[in-house]
Amino acid sequence: MTAHSVTAATAATGVRTGGPEDDGPRIAEHVMGWTLVVVVAMLVTQLGLL
């Protein structure tokens, strides 16, 4: 099988590889991402790494 036929066969069967979902709750992802940024920033400042 060529790469193109494998891709076409995979797309036809609807197999997912664990990537980001198209219809997921985007606001929850943004809130969790920014929370992680704030926690890492607090950790860095508390440890005196900045």
C-alpha atoms as a PDB file:
ATOM      1  CA  MET A   1       0.000   0.000   0.000  1.00  0.00           C
ATOM      2  CA  THR A   2       1.162   3.472  -0.732  1.00  0.00           C
ATOM      3  CA  ALA A   3       1.017   6.252   1.835  1.00  0.00           C
ATOM      4  CA  HIS A   4      -1.931   7.824   0.017  1.00  0.00           C
ATOM      5  CA  SER A   5      -3.998   4.620   0.008  1.00  0.00           C
ATOM      6  CA  VAL A   6      -3.254   3.999   3.705  1.00  0.00           C
ATOM      7  CA  THR A   7      -4.373   7.534   4.542  1.00  0.00           C
ATOM      8  CA  ALA A   8      -7.521   7.132   2.473  1.00  0.00           C
ATOM      9  CA  ALA A   9      -8.313   3.774   4.085  1.00  0.00           C
ATOM     10  CA  THR A  10      -7.788   5.183   7.577  1.00  0.00           C
ATOM     11  CA  ALA A  11      -9.977   8.205   6.840  1.00  0.00           C
ATOM     12  CA  ALA A  12     -12.706   5.969   5.437  1.00  0.00           C
ATOM     13  CA  THR A  13     -12.886   3.832   8.587  1.00  0.00           C
ATOM     14  CA  GLY A  14     -12.953   6.833  10.925  1.00  0.00           C
ATOM     15  CA  VAL A  15     -10.060   5.658  13.097  1.00  0.00           C
ATOM     16  CA  ARG A  16      -8.888   8.321  15.547  1.00  0.00           C
ATOM     17  CA  THR A  17      -5.314   8.534  16.774  1.00  0.00           C
ATOM     18  CA  GLY A  18      -5.896  10.454  19.988  1.00  0.00           C
ATOM     19  CA  GLY A  19      -5.497  13.962  18.607  1.00  0.00           C
ATOM     20  CA  PRO A  20      -7.494  16.963  19.791  1.00  0.00           C
ATOM     21  CA  GLU A  21     -11.223  16.688  19.307  1.00  0.00           C
ATOM     22  CA  ASP A  22     -12.981  19.161  17.058  1.00  0.00           C
ATOM     23  CA  ASP A  23     -16.080  19.510  19.220  1.00  0.00           C
ATOM     24  CA  GLY A  24     -14.538  19.538  22.693  1.00  0.00           C
ATOM     25  CA  PRO A  25     -15.097  22.173  25.389  1.00  0.00           C
ATOM     26  CA  ARG A  26     -12.568  24.786  24.280  1.00  0.00           C
ATOM     27  CA  ILE A  27     -13.203  27.133  27.209  1.00  0.00           C
ATOM     28  CA  ALA A  28     -12.293  24.397  29.700  1.00  0.00           C
ATOM     29  CA  GLU A  29      -9.031  23.762  27.855  1.00  0.00           C
ATOM     30  CA  HIS A  30      -8.162  27.465  27.924  1.00  0.00           C
ATOM     31  CA  VAL A  31      -8.960  27.800  31.625  1.00  0.00           C
ATOM     32  CA  MET A  32      -6.917  24.723  32.521  1.00  0.00           C
ATOM     33  CA  GLY A  33      -4.022  25.924  30.349  1.00  0.00           C
ATOM     34  CA  TRP A  34      -3.911  29.360  31.934  1.00  0.00           C
ATOM     35  CA  THR A  35      -4.226  27.802  35.400  1.00  0.00           C
ATOM     36  CA  LEU A  36      -1.163  25.693  34.632  1.00  0.00           C
ATOM     37  CA  VAL A  37       0.732  28.799  33.483  1.00  0.00           C
ATOM     38  CA  VAL A  38      -0.105  30.630  36.713  1.00  0.00           C
ATOM     39  CA  VAL A  39       0.859  27.648  38.892  1.00  0.00           C
ATOM     40  CA  VAL A  40       4.207  27.254  37.122  1.00  0.00           C
ATOM     41  CA  ALA A  41       4.878  31.000  37.434  1.00  0.00           C
ATOM     42  CA  MET A  42       4.100  30.889  41.172  1.00  0.00           C
ATOM     43  CA  LEU A  43       6.381  27.873  41.608  1.00  0.00           C
ATOM     44  CA  VAL A  44       9.240  29.561  39.748  1.00  0.00           C
ATOM     45  CA  THR A  45       8.973  32.733  41.822  1.00  0.00           C
ATOM     46  CA  GLN A  46       8.651  30.847  45.118  1.00  0.00           C
ATOM     47  CA  LEU A  47      11.757  28.794  44.359  1.00  0.00           C
ATOM     48  CA  GLY A  48      13.685  31.925  43.406  1.00  0.00           C
ATOM     49  CA  LEU A  49      14.464  30.698  39.909  1.00  0.00           C
ATOM     50  CA  LEU A  50      13.573  34.042  38.352  1.00  0.00           C
END
